[in-house]
Amino acid sequence: MIEGVELLKLPEKKDNRGSLCFCEAGIKGHIPFKIKRAFWIFRTPKGAVRGRHAHRRSQQAHVCLHGSVKIQLDNGKEKQGVVLNRPNRVLILGPMIWHSFCLEEGSLLFVFTSNWYSEKDYVRDYEEFLSLVRTPK
């Protein structure tokens, strides 16, 4: 995985009634931040690309609950593609990870975030993103 991104396997309990996955948030949990917001994306038109931005401070945890999602990741130094297609996998994105994604028809992507929604947290211009991540702090 590129720096700033983790792909984790969530616990899965199986028996003759089916499977159950769960995740817990916080220092000892599977999601390494306190969850302040959650949203889900579904019924996307074929070929639609979502995302195309980075977050200045927010962290995100992406779980594909149904179907398949192709995610393109970029930390300004390296790029990587990831496919989420199992509900027991969670993709953790740190701040300043440019991401875009495309859902397969009928897919459902669930996202947890570390911060409340704020338009000021978004970097929507790729050149600005590159400038921010490549500038020494």
Protein backbone atom coordinates (compact mmCIF):
# COMPACT_ATOMS: atom_id res chain seq x y z
CA MET A 1 0.00 0.00 0.00
CA ILE A 2 1.12 3.53 -0.60
CA GLU A 3 2.08 5.67 2.39
CA GLY A 4 -1.00 7.08 4.11
CA VAL A 5 -3.27 4.16 3.18
CA GLU A 6 -4.04 0.83 4.89
CA LEU A 7 -6.17 -2.12 3.78
CA LEU A 8 -7.43 -4.05 6.79
CA LYS A 9 -9.37 -7.28 7.18
CA LEU A 10 -12.32 -6.96 9.55
CA PRO A 11 -13.37 -9.75 11.92
CA GLU A 12 -15.96 -12.06 10.41
CA LYS A 13 -18.12 -14.44 12.42
CA LYS A 14 -19.64 -17.29 10.40
CA ASP A 15 -22.13 -19.97 11.30
CA ASN A 16 -25.04 -21.80 9.67
CA ARG A 17 -27.12 -18.57 9.78
CA GLY A 18 -24.63 -16.59 7.69
CA SER A 19 -21.82 -14.14 8.30
CA LEU A 20 -21.47 -11.07 10.49
CA CYS A 21 -18.70 -8.48 10.18
CA PHE A 22 -18.07 -5.67 12.59
CA CYS A 23 -15.67 -2.83 13.18
CA GLU A 24 -14.86 -0.72 16.17
CA ALA A 25 -13.38 2.77 16.19
CA GLY A 26 -10.66 4.36 18.25
CA ILE A 27 -7.12 3.55 19.33
CA LYS A 28 -7.78 -0.17 19.94
CA GLY A 29 -10.35 -0.57 17.17
CA HIS A 30 -10.19 -1.42 13.49
CA ILE A 31 -10.87 2.16 12.43
CA PRO A 32 -8.06 4.28 13.91
CA PHE A 33 -10.11 7.41 14.55
CA LYS A 34 -13.26 8.59 16.30
CA ILE A 35 -16.12 8.47 13.79
CA LYS A 36 -17.94 11.77 13.37
CA ARG A 37 -19.79 11.13 10.12
CA ALA A 38 -20.88 8.28 7.87
CA PHE A 39 -22.32 8.25 4.37
CA TRP A 40 -22.96 5.74 1.61
CA ILE A 41 -22.86 5.86 -2.16
CA PHE A 42 -25.13 3.73 -4.36
CA ARG A 43 -27.09 3.74 -7.63
CA THR A 44 -24.23 5.39 -9.50
CA PRO A 45 -24.57 5.51 -13.28
CA LYS A 46 -22.35 3.12 -15.23
CA GLY A 47 -18.92 4.67 -15.75
CA ALA A 48 -19.46 7.53 -13.27
CA VAL A 49 -16.31 8.54 -11.41
CA ARG A 50 -16.76 9.82 -7.86
CA GLY A 51 -14.29 11.44 -5.50
CA ARG A 52 -11.54 13.22 -7.42
CA HIS A 53 -10.39 15.06 -4.32
CA ALA A 54 -8.30 14.86 -1.16
CA HIS A 55 -9.04 15.94 2.40
CA ARG A 56 -6.77 18.33 4.27
CA ARG A 57 -7.40 16.86 7.74
CA SER A 58 -10.10 14.20 7.54
CA GLN A 59 -9.41 10.50 7.54
CA GLN A 60 -11.80 8.06 5.90
CA ALA A 61 -12.60 4.35 6.13
CA HIS A 62 -14.22 2.82 3.02
CA VAL A 63 -16.14 -0.48 3.10
CA CYS A 64 -17.81 -1.95 0.02
CA LEU A 65 -20.87 -3.64 1.51
CA HIS A 66 -22.11 -5.01 -1.81
CA GLY A 67 -20.60 -5.36 -5.26
CA SER A 68 -17.24 -3.92 -6.27
CA VAL A 69 -15.53 -0.54 -6.20
CA LYS A 70 -12.33 0.38 -8.07
CA ILE A 71 -10.41 3.06 -6.17
CA GLN A 72 -7.45 5.05 -7.49
CA LEU A 73 -5.14 6.42 -4.78
CA ASP A 74 -2.39 9.03 -5.00
CA ASN A 75 -0.27 10.48 -2.19
CA GLY A 76 1.67 12.83 -4.48
CA LYS A 77 4.65 10.45 -4.70
CA GLU A 78 3.07 7.20 -5.79
CA LYS A 79 -0.22 5.96 -7.17
CA GLN A 80 -2.05 2.69 -6.63
CA GLY A 81 -5.31 1.08 -7.64
CA VAL A 82 -7.33 -0.99 -5.18
CA VAL A 83 -10.47 -3.04 -5.68
CA LEU A 84 -12.84 -3.37 -2.74
CA ASN A 85 -15.19 -6.30 -3.28
CA ARG A 86 -15.52 -7.98 0.12
CA PRO A 87 -17.56 -6.58 3.02
CA ASN A 88 -14.87 -7.69 5.49
CA ARG A 89 -12.22 -5.32 4.10
CA VAL A 90 -11.81 -1.67 5.09
CA LEU A 91 -9.61 0.82 3.26
CA ILE A 92 -8.25 3.53 5.57
CA LEU A 93 -7.23 6.80 3.93
CA GLY A 94 -5.18 9.31 5.85
CA PRO A 95 -5.33 13.04 5.17
CA MET A 96 -4.07 14.34 1.80
CA ILE A 97 -4.68 11.17 -0.20
CA TRP A 98 -6.16 12.01 -3.61
CA HIS A 99 -8.81 9.43 -4.40
CA SER A 100 -11.32 8.68 -7.12
CA PHE A 101 -13.53 5.66 -7.51
CA CYS A 102 -15.98 3.91 -9.75
CA LEU A 103 -18.72 1.61 -8.46
CA GLU A 104 -19.85 -1.45 -10.39
CA GLU A 105 -23.59 -1.43 -11.06
CA GLY A 106 -25.57 -2.39 -7.94
CA SER A 107 -22.67 -1.68 -5.56
CA LEU A 108 -22.86 0.00 -2.18
CA LEU A 109 -19.90 1.89 -0.69
CA PHE A 110 -20.08 2.89 2.97
CA VAL A 111 -17.68 5.55 4.30
CA PHE A 112 -16.81 6.59 7.87
CA THR A 113 -15.02 9.92 8.40
CA SER A 114 -13.04 11.44 11.25
CA ASN A 115 -14.52 14.95 10.85
CA TRP A 116 -17.86 16.61 10.23
CA TYR A 117 -18.48 17.75 6.66
CA SER A 118 -16.67 20.98 5.78
CA GLU A 119 -16.10 22.18 2.24
CA LYS A 120 -12.88 23.85 3.50
CA ASP A 121 -11.42 20.37 4.17
CA TYR A 122 -11.63 19.42 0.47
CA VAL A 123 -8.86 19.89 -2.08
CA ARG A 124 -10.65 19.54 -5.41
CA ASP A 125 -7.92 20.79 -7.77
CA TYR A 126 -5.27 18.15 -8.53
CA GLU A 127 -2.51 20.70 -9.21
CA GLU A 128 -3.22 22.38 -5.86
CA PHE A 129 -3.09 18.94 -4.19
CA LEU A 130 0.32 18.23 -5.74
CA SER A 131 1.59 21.63 -4.65
CA LEU A 132 0.41 21.05 -1.07
CA VAL A 133 1.89 17.55 -0.68
CA ARG A 134 5.18 18.43 -2.34
CA THR A 135 5.79 21.60 -0.33
CA PRO A 136 8.13 21.01 2.64
CA LYS A 137 6.48 21.71 5.99
